[in-house]
Amino acid sequence: MTDDPLTAQWTSAQVEVMHRLRDWVVDFGELNQHLAAWMRLPGTDANALGQIIWAAEAGTPLSPAQLARQLGMTTGATTILLNRLEAAGHVHRSRENTDRRRVTLRPTAAARDRARQFLGLAGTEIATVLRTTPPDELTAVATFLARMTAAADQANLRLGRHGLQAGPGQQP
């Protein structure tokens, strides 16, 4: 990249997309805080539980290491978080793989049901938008977001290789 991303000339459409992505992240974070209150959990625990439920629903359950990466936490801190979720009856760890060292995270039926109740209450407007958006528009958005995610993944890998670890109060 030759342009300085802070001073490059962006089109109004590019700026609008970045603003809408930022707005979604902010609103999604607020929805997660509502989920936390609904589940009577700290925000980070609710976020973790949401990640575990979505992955299990998609048929790709997470390992503790994958969850740690998604949450931006150390594996040790994630273990403590998982201990809390397990003690509260929200998740269980299992060894489903032929490699018995690999741990899989699964939500309990009760946690899944409680999250479904929340989505029934909180997801009405989002579900309406998804159901009323034409399939070709959904495909275009999904393709664009996949490319944006891949770009962010590449940036995160590059930053990690340079020893730039994100964390509260840390400076590179």
N, C-alpha and C. Protein backbone atom coordinates (compact mmCIF):
# COMPACT_ATOMS: atom_id res chain seq x y z
N MET A 1 0.85 -1.17 0.00
CA MET A 1 0.00 0.00 0.00
C MET A 1 0.90 1.23 0.00
N THR A 2 0.65 2.13 -0.94
CA THR A 2 1.49 3.31 -1.04
C THR A 2 0.86 4.53 -0.38
N ASP A 3 -0.45 4.56 -0.27
CA ASP A 3 -1.11 5.70 0.35
C ASP A 3 -1.12 5.58 1.86
N ASP A 4 -0.97 6.71 2.51
CA ASP A 4 -1.14 6.77 3.97
C ASP A 4 -2.63 6.66 4.24
N PRO A 5 -3.08 5.60 4.96
CA PRO A 5 -4.51 5.39 5.14
C PRO A 5 -5.21 6.50 5.92
N LEU A 6 -4.45 7.31 6.65
CA LEU A 6 -5.07 8.41 7.39
C LEU A 6 -5.25 9.66 6.55
N THR A 7 -4.48 9.77 5.48
CA THR A 7 -4.56 10.97 4.66
C THR A 7 -4.99 10.70 3.23
N ALA A 8 -5.19 9.44 2.87
CA ALA A 8 -5.59 9.10 1.51
C ALA A 8 -6.94 9.71 1.18
N GLN A 9 -7.15 9.97 -0.06
CA GLN A 9 -8.43 10.49 -0.52
C GLN A 9 -9.40 9.32 -0.70
N TRP A 10 -10.41 9.27 0.17
CA TRP A 10 -11.40 8.22 0.11
C TRP A 10 -12.64 8.75 -0.60
N THR A 11 -13.34 7.88 -1.31
CA THR A 11 -14.60 8.30 -1.92
C THR A 11 -15.65 8.39 -0.83
N SER A 12 -16.70 9.11 -1.10
CA SER A 12 -17.76 9.23 -0.10
C SER A 12 -18.39 7.87 0.18
N ALA A 13 -18.46 7.00 -0.84
CA ALA A 13 -19.01 5.66 -0.64
C ALA A 13 -18.12 4.84 0.28
N GLN A 14 -16.79 4.94 0.12
CA GLN A 14 -15.87 4.21 0.99
C GLN A 14 -15.97 4.69 2.43
N VAL A 15 -16.05 5.98 2.62
CA VAL A 15 -16.20 6.54 3.97
C VAL A 15 -17.52 6.08 4.57
N GLU A 16 -18.59 6.11 3.79
CA GLU A 16 -19.91 5.68 4.27
C GLU A 16 -19.88 4.22 4.72
N VAL A 17 -19.24 3.35 3.95
CA VAL A 17 -19.14 1.94 4.32
C VAL A 17 -18.39 1.78 5.64
N MET A 18 -17.28 2.48 5.80
CA MET A 18 -16.52 2.37 7.04
C MET A 18 -17.34 2.89 8.24
N HIS A 19 -18.10 3.94 8.03
CA HIS A 19 -18.97 4.44 9.11
C HIS A 19 -20.04 3.42 9.47
N ARG A 20 -20.64 2.79 8.46
CA ARG A 20 -21.70 1.81 8.72
C ARG A 20 -21.12 0.57 9.42
N LEU A 21 -19.90 0.15 9.04
CA LEU A 21 -19.26 -0.97 9.72
C LEU A 21 -18.99 -0.62 11.18
N ARG A 22 -18.50 0.59 11.42
CA ARG A 22 -18.26 1.03 12.79
C ARG A 22 -19.57 1.06 13.57
N ASP A 23 -20.63 1.59 12.97
CA ASP A 23 -21.92 1.66 13.64
C ASP A 23 -22.42 0.27 14.01
N TRP A 24 -22.24 -0.71 13.10
CA TRP A 24 -22.67 -2.08 13.39
C TRP A 24 -21.90 -2.64 14.58
N VAL A 25 -20.59 -2.42 14.61
CA VAL A 25 -19.76 -2.92 15.72
C VAL A 25 -20.24 -2.32 17.03
N VAL A 26 -20.52 -1.03 17.04
CA VAL A 26 -20.98 -0.36 18.26
C VAL A 26 -22.33 -0.93 18.69
N ASP A 27 -23.27 -1.04 17.75
CA ASP A 27 -24.60 -1.56 18.08
C ASP A 27 -24.55 -3.02 18.49
N PHE A 28 -23.69 -3.81 17.84
CA PHE A 28 -23.55 -5.21 18.21
C PHE A 28 -23.01 -5.33 19.63
N GLY A 29 -22.06 -4.45 19.97
CA GLY A 29 -21.53 -4.43 21.34
C GLY A 29 -22.62 -4.11 22.35
N GLU A 30 -23.50 -3.18 22.00
CA GLU A 30 -24.60 -2.84 22.90
C GLU A 30 -25.57 -4.02 23.03
N LEU A 31 -25.85 -4.69 21.92
CA LEU A 31 -26.70 -5.89 21.98
C LEU A 31 -26.06 -6.95 22.88
N ASN A 32 -24.74 -7.08 22.81
CA ASN A 32 -24.05 -8.04 23.67
C ASN A 32 -24.20 -7.67 25.14
N GLN A 33 -24.20 -6.37 25.44
CA GLN A 33 -24.41 -5.95 26.82
C GLN A 33 -25.82 -6.29 27.30
N HIS A 34 -26.79 -6.18 26.40
CA HIS A 34 -28.16 -6.59 26.75
C HIS A 34 -28.21 -8.11 26.98
N LEU A 35 -27.50 -8.87 26.13
CA LEU A 35 -27.44 -10.32 26.32
C LEU A 35 -26.81 -10.63 27.67
N ALA A 36 -25.77 -9.90 28.02
CA ALA A 36 -25.10 -10.12 29.31
C ALA A 36 -26.09 -9.92 30.46
N ALA A 37 -26.86 -8.85 30.40
CA ALA A 37 -27.85 -8.60 31.44
C ALA A 37 -28.91 -9.70 31.45
N TRP A 38 -29.34 -10.11 30.27
CA TRP A 38 -30.35 -11.17 30.13
C TRP A 38 -29.87 -12.48 30.74
N MET A 39 -28.61 -12.81 30.49
CA MET A 39 -28.03 -14.06 30.97
C MET A 39 -27.44 -13.91 32.38
N ARG A 40 -27.45 -12.68 32.92
CA ARG A 40 -26.87 -12.37 34.23
C ARG A 40 -25.38 -12.74 34.27
N LEU A 41 -24.68 -12.24 33.25
CA LEU A 41 -23.26 -12.52 33.10
C LEU A 41 -22.49 -11.22 32.88
N PRO A 42 -21.20 -11.21 33.22
CA PRO A 42 -20.36 -10.08 32.79
C PRO A 42 -20.31 -10.03 31.26
N GLY A 43 -20.05 -8.86 30.70
CA GLY A 43 -20.04 -8.69 29.25
C GLY A 43 -19.11 -9.64 28.52
N THR A 44 -17.90 -9.83 29.03
CA THR A 44 -16.95 -10.71 28.37
C THR A 44 -17.45 -12.15 28.37
N ASP A 45 -18.06 -12.57 29.47
CA ASP A 45 -18.59 -13.93 29.56
C ASP A 45 -19.75 -14.12 28.57
N ALA A 46 -20.61 -13.10 28.46
CA ALA A 46 -21.73 -13.19 27.51
C ALA A 46 -21.21 -13.23 26.08
N ASN A 47 -20.19 -12.44 25.79
CA ASN A 47 -19.58 -12.46 24.46
C ASN A 47 -19.03 -13.85 24.16
N ALA A 48 -18.32 -14.43 25.12
CA ALA A 48 -17.76 -15.76 24.94
C ALA A 48 -18.88 -16.79 24.73
N LEU A 49 -19.92 -16.72 25.55
CA LEU A 49 -21.03 -17.66 25.40
C LEU A 49 -21.68 -17.51 24.04
N GLY A 50 -21.86 -16.27 23.59
CA GLY A 50 -22.41 -16.05 22.25
C GLY A 50 -21.55 -16.68 21.17
N GLN A 51 -20.22 -16.50 21.28
CA GLN A 51 -19.30 -17.10 20.30
C GLN A 51 -19.43 -18.63 20.31
N ILE A 52 -19.52 -19.20 21.50
CA ILE A 52 -19.63 -20.66 21.64
C ILE A 52 -20.93 -21.16 21.03
N ILE A 53 -22.03 -20.46 21.30
CA ILE A 53 -23.33 -20.86 20.76
C ILE A 53 -23.36 -20.75 19.25
N TRP A 54 -22.91 -19.60 18.70
CA TRP A 54 -22.93 -19.43 17.24
C TRP A 54 -22.07 -20.49 16.54
N ALA A 55 -20.91 -20.77 17.09
CA ALA A 55 -20.03 -21.77 16.47
C ALA A 55 -20.67 -23.15 16.51
N ALA A 56 -21.27 -23.50 17.64
CA ALA A 56 -21.93 -24.81 17.75
C ALA A 56 -23.11 -24.90 16.79
N GLU A 57 -23.89 -23.83 16.69
CA GLU A 57 -25.04 -23.81 15.78
C GLU A 57 -24.59 -23.96 14.32
N ALA A 58 -23.41 -23.43 14.01
CA ALA A 58 -22.88 -23.51 12.65
C ALA A 58 -22.22 -24.87 12.37
N GLY A 59 -22.13 -25.72 13.40
CA GLY A 59 -21.51 -27.02 13.22
C GLY A 59 -20.00 -26.98 13.28
N THR A 60 -19.45 -25.87 13.78
CA THR A 60 -18.00 -25.73 13.91
C THR A 60 -17.64 -25.29 15.32
N PRO A 61 -17.86 -26.19 16.30
CA PRO A 61 -17.61 -25.80 17.69
C PRO A 61 -16.16 -25.36 17.90
N LEU A 62 -16.01 -24.43 18.83
CA LEU A 62 -14.70 -23.84 19.11
C LEU A 62 -13.89 -24.67 20.10
N SER A 63 -12.59 -24.52 20.01
CA SER A 63 -11.68 -24.99 21.05
C SER A 63 -11.42 -23.80 21.97
N PRO A 64 -10.92 -24.04 23.17
CA PRO A 64 -10.57 -22.90 24.04
C PRO A 64 -9.56 -21.94 23.40
N ALA A 65 -8.60 -22.46 22.64
CA ALA A 65 -7.61 -21.59 21.99
C ALA A 65 -8.27 -20.72 20.93
N GLN A 66 -9.20 -21.28 20.16
CA GLN A 66 -9.90 -20.48 19.16
C GLN A 66 -10.73 -19.39 19.83
N LEU A 67 -11.39 -19.74 20.92
CA LEU A 67 -12.18 -18.75 21.64
C LEU A 67 -11.29 -17.64 22.17
N ALA A 68 -10.15 -18.00 22.73
CA ALA A 68 -9.21 -17.00 23.25
C ALA A 68 -8.82 -16.02 22.16
N ARG A 69 -8.53 -16.52 20.97
CA ARG A 69 -8.16 -15.65 19.85
C ARG A 69 -9.32 -14.72 19.48
N GLN A 70 -10.53 -15.27 19.41
CA GLN A 70 -11.68 -14.45 19.04
C GLN A 70 -11.97 -13.37 20.08
N LEU A 71 -11.71 -13.66 21.34
CA LEU A 71 -11.98 -12.70 22.40
C LEU A 71 -10.82 -11.74 22.62
N GLY A 72 -9.65 -12.07 22.07
CA GLY A 72 -8.47 -11.25 22.29
C GLY A 72 -7.94 -11.40 23.71
N MET A 73 -8.07 -12.61 24.25
CA MET A 73 -7.64 -12.88 25.63
C MET A 73 -6.53 -13.92 25.61
N THR A 74 -5.79 -13.98 26.69
CA THR A 74 -4.79 -15.04 26.82
C THR A 74 -5.52 -16.36 27.05
N THR A 75 -4.83 -17.46 26.81
CA THR A 75 -5.45 -18.76 27.07
C THR A 75 -5.71 -18.96 28.55
N GLY A 76 -4.85 -18.42 29.41
CA GLY A 76 -5.06 -18.53 30.85
C GLY A 76 -6.32 -17.80 31.30
N ALA A 77 -6.50 -16.58 30.80
CA ALA A 77 -7.70 -15.80 31.15
C ALA A 77 -8.95 -16.48 30.58
N THR A 78 -8.82 -17.06 29.41
CA THR A 78 -9.96 -17.75 28.80
C THR A 78 -10.32 -18.99 29.62
N THR A 79 -9.34 -19.69 30.13
CA THR A 79 -9.61 -20.85 30.98
C THR A 79 -10.41 -20.44 32.21
N ILE A 80 -10.04 -19.33 32.83
CA ILE A 80 -10.76 -18.84 34.00
C ILE A 80 -12.19 -18.48 33.62
N LEU A 81 -12.36 -17.81 32.49
CA LEU A 81 -13.69 -17.46 32.00
C LEU A 81 -14.51 -18.72 31.75
N LEU A 82 -13.92 -19.72 31.10
CA LEU A 82 -14.63 -20.97 30.82
C LEU A 82 -15.00 -21.70 32.11
N ASN A 83 -14.13 -21.63 33.11
CA ASN A 83 -14.45 -22.24 34.41
C ASN A 83 -15.71 -21.60 34.99
N ARG A 84 -15.82 -20.25 34.87
CA ARG A 84 -17.01 -19.56 35.37
C ARG A 84 -18.25 -19.99 34.60
N LEU A 85 -18.15 -20.04 33.26
CA LEU A 85 -19.31 -20.43 32.44
C LEU A 85 -19.72 -21.87 32.70
N GLU A 86 -18.74 -22.73 32.90
CA GLU A 86 -19.03 -24.13 33.18
C GLU A 86 -19.68 -24.27 34.57
N ALA A 87 -19.15 -23.57 35.56
CA ALA A 87 -19.71 -23.63 36.92
C ALA A 87 -21.14 -23.09 36.95
N ALA A 88 -21.43 -22.11 36.09
CA ALA A 88 -22.79 -21.53 36.03
C ALA A 88 -23.75 -22.38 35.20
N GLY A 89 -23.24 -23.46 34.60
CA GLY A 89 -24.10 -24.35 33.83
C GLY A 89 -24.39 -23.88 32.42
N HIS A 90 -23.51 -23.02 31.85
CA HIS A 90 -23.73 -22.50 30.50
C HIS A 90 -22.98 -23.26 29.41
N VAL A 91 -21.83 -23.84 29.74
CA VAL A 91 -21.04 -24.56 28.74
C VAL A 91 -20.48 -25.84 29.35
N HIS A 92 -20.10 -26.73 28.45
CA HIS A 92 -19.34 -27.89 28.90
C HIS A 92 -18.24 -28.15 27.88
N ARG A 93 -17.17 -28.72 28.38
CA ARG A 93 -16.02 -29.07 27.55
C ARG A 93 -16.11 -30.57 27.28
N SER A 94 -15.80 -30.93 26.04
CA SER A 94 -15.83 -32.36 25.70
C SER A 94 -14.64 -32.68 24.81
N ARG A 95 -14.35 -33.96 24.73
CA ARG A 95 -13.28 -34.46 23.88
C ARG A 95 -13.93 -35.35 22.84
N GLU A 96 -14.29 -34.72 21.70
CA GLU A 96 -15.04 -35.41 20.65
C GLU A 96 -14.14 -35.91 19.53
N ASN A 97 -12.95 -35.40 19.47
CA ASN A 97 -12.03 -35.71 18.39
C ASN A 97 -11.27 -37.00 18.69
N THR A 98 -10.74 -37.63 17.64
CA THR A 98 -9.90 -38.80 17.86
C THR A 98 -8.65 -38.42 18.66
N ASP A 99 -8.21 -37.16 18.50
CA ASP A 99 -7.12 -36.64 19.32
C ASP A 99 -7.75 -36.20 20.64
N ARG A 100 -7.64 -37.01 21.65
CA ARG A 100 -8.31 -36.76 22.93
C ARG A 100 -7.78 -35.53 23.65
N ARG A 101 -6.69 -34.96 23.17
CA ARG A 101 -6.17 -33.73 23.77
C ARG A 101 -6.99 -32.53 23.34
N ARG A 102 -7.69 -32.63 22.20
CA ARG A 102 -8.46 -31.50 21.67
C ARG A 102 -9.78 -31.37 22.42
N VAL A 103 -9.98 -30.21 23.02
CA VAL A 103 -11.20 -29.92 23.78
C VAL A 103 -12.14 -29.12 22.90
N THR A 104 -13.41 -29.49 22.94
CA THR A 104 -14.46 -28.81 22.18
C THR A 104 -15.40 -28.14 23.18
N LEU A 105 -15.80 -26.92 22.87
CA LEU A 105 -16.72 -26.17 23.73
C LEU A 105 -18.13 -26.26 23.17
N ARG A 106 -19.06 -26.60 24.03
CA ARG A 106 -20.48 -26.72 23.65
C ARG A 106 -21.34 -25.98 24.66
N PRO A 107 -22.37 -25.27 24.18
CA PRO A 107 -23.30 -24.67 25.12
C PRO A 107 -24.21 -25.75 25.70
N THR A 108 -24.67 -25.54 26.92
CA THR A 108 -25.65 -26.46 27.48
C THR A 108 -27.00 -26.16 26.82
N ALA A 109 -27.91 -27.11 26.93
CA ALA A 109 -29.25 -26.90 26.38
C ALA A 109 -29.93 -25.70 27.03
N ALA A 110 -29.75 -25.55 28.34
CA ALA A 110 -30.37 -24.43 29.05
C ALA A 110 -29.83 -23.09 28.54
N ALA A 111 -28.51 -22.99 28.34
CA ALA A 111 -27.91 -21.75 27.84
C ALA A 111 -28.39 -21.46 26.42
N ARG A 112 -28.45 -22.49 25.60
CA ARG A 112 -28.93 -22.33 24.23
C ARG A 112 -30.39 -21.85 24.23
N ASP A 113 -31.22 -22.43 25.08
CA ASP A 113 -32.63 -22.03 25.15
C ASP A 113 -32.77 -20.59 25.63
N ARG A 114 -32.00 -20.21 26.64
CA ARG A 114 -32.06 -18.85 27.16
C ARG A 114 -31.60 -17.85 26.11
N ALA A 115 -30.56 -18.18 25.36
CA ALA A 115 -30.08 -17.31 24.28
C ALA A 115 -31.13 -17.21 23.17
N ARG A 116 -31.80 -18.30 22.86
CA ARG A 116 -32.87 -18.26 21.85
C ARG A 116 -34.01 -17.36 22.29
N GLN A 117 -34.34 -17.40 23.57
CA GLN A 117 -35.38 -16.50 24.10
C GLN A 117 -34.96 -15.05 23.90
N PHE A 118 -33.69 -14.76 24.19
CA PHE A 118 -33.17 -13.40 24.01
C PHE A 118 -33.26 -12.99 22.55
N LEU A 119 -32.83 -13.88 21.64
CA LEU A 119 -32.88 -13.55 20.21
C LEU A 119 -34.30 -13.33 19.73
N GLY A 120 -35.25 -14.08 20.28
CA GLY A 120 -36.64 -13.87 19.93
C GLY A 120 -37.11 -12.48 20.31
N LEU A 121 -36.61 -11.98 21.42
CA LEU A 121 -36.96 -10.64 21.90
C LEU A 121 -36.16 -9.56 21.18
N ALA A 122 -34.87 -9.78 21.05
CA ALA A 122 -33.96 -8.74 20.55
C ALA A 122 -33.75 -8.76 19.04
N GLY A 123 -34.01 -9.88 18.40
CA GLY A 123 -33.63 -10.01 17.00
C GLY A 123 -34.70 -9.74 15.98
N THR A 124 -35.86 -9.25 16.40
CA THR A 124 -36.98 -9.05 15.49
C THR A 124 -36.62 -8.14 14.32
N GLU A 125 -36.05 -6.98 14.61
CA GLU A 125 -35.74 -6.02 13.56
C GLU A 125 -34.63 -6.54 12.64
N ILE A 126 -33.64 -7.17 13.23
CA ILE A 126 -32.53 -7.71 12.42
C ILE A 126 -33.04 -8.83 11.52
N ALA A 127 -33.87 -9.71 12.08
CA ALA A 127 -34.43 -10.80 11.28
C ALA A 127 -35.29 -10.26 10.13
N THR A 128 -36.03 -9.20 10.39
CA THR A 128 -36.86 -8.60 9.34
C THR A 128 -36.01 -8.09 8.20
N VAL A 129 -34.92 -7.40 8.54
CA VAL A 129 -34.02 -6.89 7.49
C VAL A 129 -33.45 -8.06 6.69
N LEU A 130 -32.98 -9.10 7.38
CA LEU A 130 -32.40 -10.25 6.67
C LEU A 130 -33.43 -10.93 5.77
N ARG A 131 -34.65 -11.08 6.26
CA ARG A 131 -35.69 -11.79 5.49
C ARG A 131 -36.23 -10.98 4.33
N THR A 132 -36.13 -9.66 4.41
CA THR A 132 -36.69 -8.83 3.34
C THR A 132 -35.64 -8.32 2.35
N THR A 133 -34.38 -8.63 2.59
CA THR A 133 -33.32 -8.21 1.67
C THR A 133 -33.22 -9.22 0.54
N PRO A 134 -33.19 -8.75 -0.70
CA PRO A 134 -33.10 -9.67 -1.84
C PRO A 134 -31.84 -10.55 -1.75
N PRO A 135 -31.96 -11.81 -2.18
CA PRO A 135 -30.82 -12.75 -2.10
C PRO A 135 -29.55 -12.23 -2.77
N ASP A 136 -29.66 -11.56 -3.90
CA ASP A 136 -28.44 -11.08 -4.57
C ASP A 136 -27.75 -9.99 -3.74
N GLU A 137 -28.51 -9.17 -3.03
CA GLU A 137 -27.93 -8.16 -2.16
C GLU A 137 -27.25 -8.81 -0.95
N LEU A 138 -27.90 -9.82 -0.38
CA LEU A 138 -27.29 -10.55 0.74
C LEU A 138 -25.98 -11.20 0.30
N THR A 139 -25.97 -11.78 -0.89
CA THR A 139 -24.75 -12.41 -1.41
C THR A 139 -23.64 -11.39 -1.57
N ALA A 140 -23.98 -10.22 -2.12
CA ALA A 140 -22.97 -9.17 -2.32
C ALA A 140 -22.41 -8.70 -0.97
N VAL A 141 -23.28 -8.51 0.01
CA VAL A 141 -22.84 -8.06 1.33
C VAL A 141 -21.97 -9.12 1.99
N ALA A 142 -22.41 -10.37 1.92
CA ALA A 142 -21.63 -11.47 2.53
C ALA A 142 -20.26 -11.58 1.88
N THR A 143 -20.20 -11.44 0.57
CA THR A 143 -18.92 -11.50 -0.14
C THR A 143 -18.01 -10.35 0.28
N PHE A 144 -18.56 -9.15 0.34
CA PHE A 144 -17.80 -7.98 0.77
C PHE A 144 -17.28 -8.15 2.20
N LEU A 145 -18.16 -8.58 3.11
CA LEU A 145 -17.75 -8.75 4.51
C LEU A 145 -16.70 -9.85 4.65
N ALA A 146 -16.79 -10.90 3.85
CA ALA A 146 -15.77 -11.95 3.88
C ALA A 146 -14.42 -11.38 3.46
N ARG A 147 -14.41 -10.52 2.43
CA ARG A 147 -13.16 -9.90 2.00
C ARG A 147 -12.62 -8.94 3.07
N MET A 148 -13.49 -8.18 3.70
CA MET A 148 -13.06 -7.27 4.77
C MET A 148 -12.49 -8.07 5.95
N THR A 149 -13.14 -9.18 6.29
CA THR A 149 -12.67 -10.02 7.39
C THR A 149 -11.31 -10.62 7.05
N ALA A 150 -11.16 -11.09 5.82
CA ALA A 150 -9.87 -11.65 5.41
C ALA A 150 -8.77 -10.58 5.47
N ALA A 151 -9.10 -9.36 5.07
CA ALA A 151 -8.12 -8.27 5.12
C ALA A 151 -7.74 -7.96 6.57
N ALA A 152 -8.73 -7.93 7.46
CA ALA A 152 -8.45 -7.68 8.88
C ALA A 152 -7.63 -8.82 9.47
N ASP A 153 -7.94 -10.07 9.08
CA ASP A 153 -7.16 -11.22 9.55
C ASP A 153 -5.70 -11.09 9.13
N GLN A 154 -5.48 -10.68 7.87
CA GLN A 154 -4.11 -10.51 7.39
C GLN A 154 -3.38 -9.41 8.16
N ALA A 155 -4.08 -8.31 8.41
CA ALA A 155 -3.47 -7.22 9.18
C ALA A 155 -3.12 -7.70 10.59
N ASN A 156 -4.02 -8.46 11.22
CA ASN A 156 -3.75 -8.97 12.56
C ASN A 156 -2.57 -9.92 12.58
N LEU A 157 -2.46 -10.78 11.57
CA LEU A 157 -1.31 -11.68 11.49
C LEU A 157 -0.01 -10.90 11.32
N ARG A 158 -0.04 -9.90 10.44
CA ARG A 158 1.16 -9.09 10.21
C ARG A 158 1.56 -8.36 11.49
N LEU A 159 0.59 -7.77 12.18
CA LEU A 159 0.88 -7.04 13.41
C LEU A 159 1.41 -7.99 14.49
N GLY A 160 0.86 -9.18 14.56
CA GLY A 160 1.34 -10.17 15.52
C GLY A 160 2.77 -10.58 15.24
N ARG A 161 3.12 -10.72 13.96
CA ARG A 161 4.50 -11.07 13.60
C ARG A 161 5.47 -9.96 13.98
N HIS A 162 4.99 -8.72 14.00
CA HIS A 162 5.84 -7.59 14.37
C HIS A 162 5.85 -7.34 15.87
N GLY A 163 5.23 -8.25 16.61
CA GLY A 163 5.23 -8.13 18.05
C GLY A 163 4.30 -7.08 18.60
N LEU A 164 3.36 -6.63 17.80
CA LEU A 164 2.41 -5.62 18.26
C LEU A 164 1.20 -6.36 18.83
N GLN A 165 1.17 -6.48 20.12
CA GLN A 165 0.07 -7.16 20.81
C GLN A 165 -0.87 -6.10 21.37
N ALA A 166 -2.13 -6.19 20.96
CA ALA A 166 -3.11 -5.24 21.46
C ALA A 166 -3.47 -5.58 22.90
N GLY A 167 -3.69 -4.57 23.67
CA GLY A 167 -4.12 -4.78 25.04
C GLY A 167 -4.41 -3.44 25.69
N PRO A 168 -5.26 -3.43 26.70
CA PRO A 168 -5.60 -2.18 27.37
C PRO A 168 -4.36 -1.48 27.91
N GLY A 169 -4.22 -0.23 27.58
CA GLY A 169 -3.14 0.58 28.13
C GLY A 169 -1.77 0.30 27.53
N GLN A 170 -1.71 -0.62 26.57
CA GLN A 170 -0.41 -0.94 25.97
C GLN A 170 -0.17 -0.09 24.75
N GLN A 171 1.06 0.25 24.51
CA GLN A 171 1.44 0.96 23.31
C GLN A 171 2.45 0.13 22.57
N PRO A 172 2.36 0.13 21.24
CA PRO A 172 3.33 -0.65 20.45
C PRO A 172 4.75 -0.14 20.58
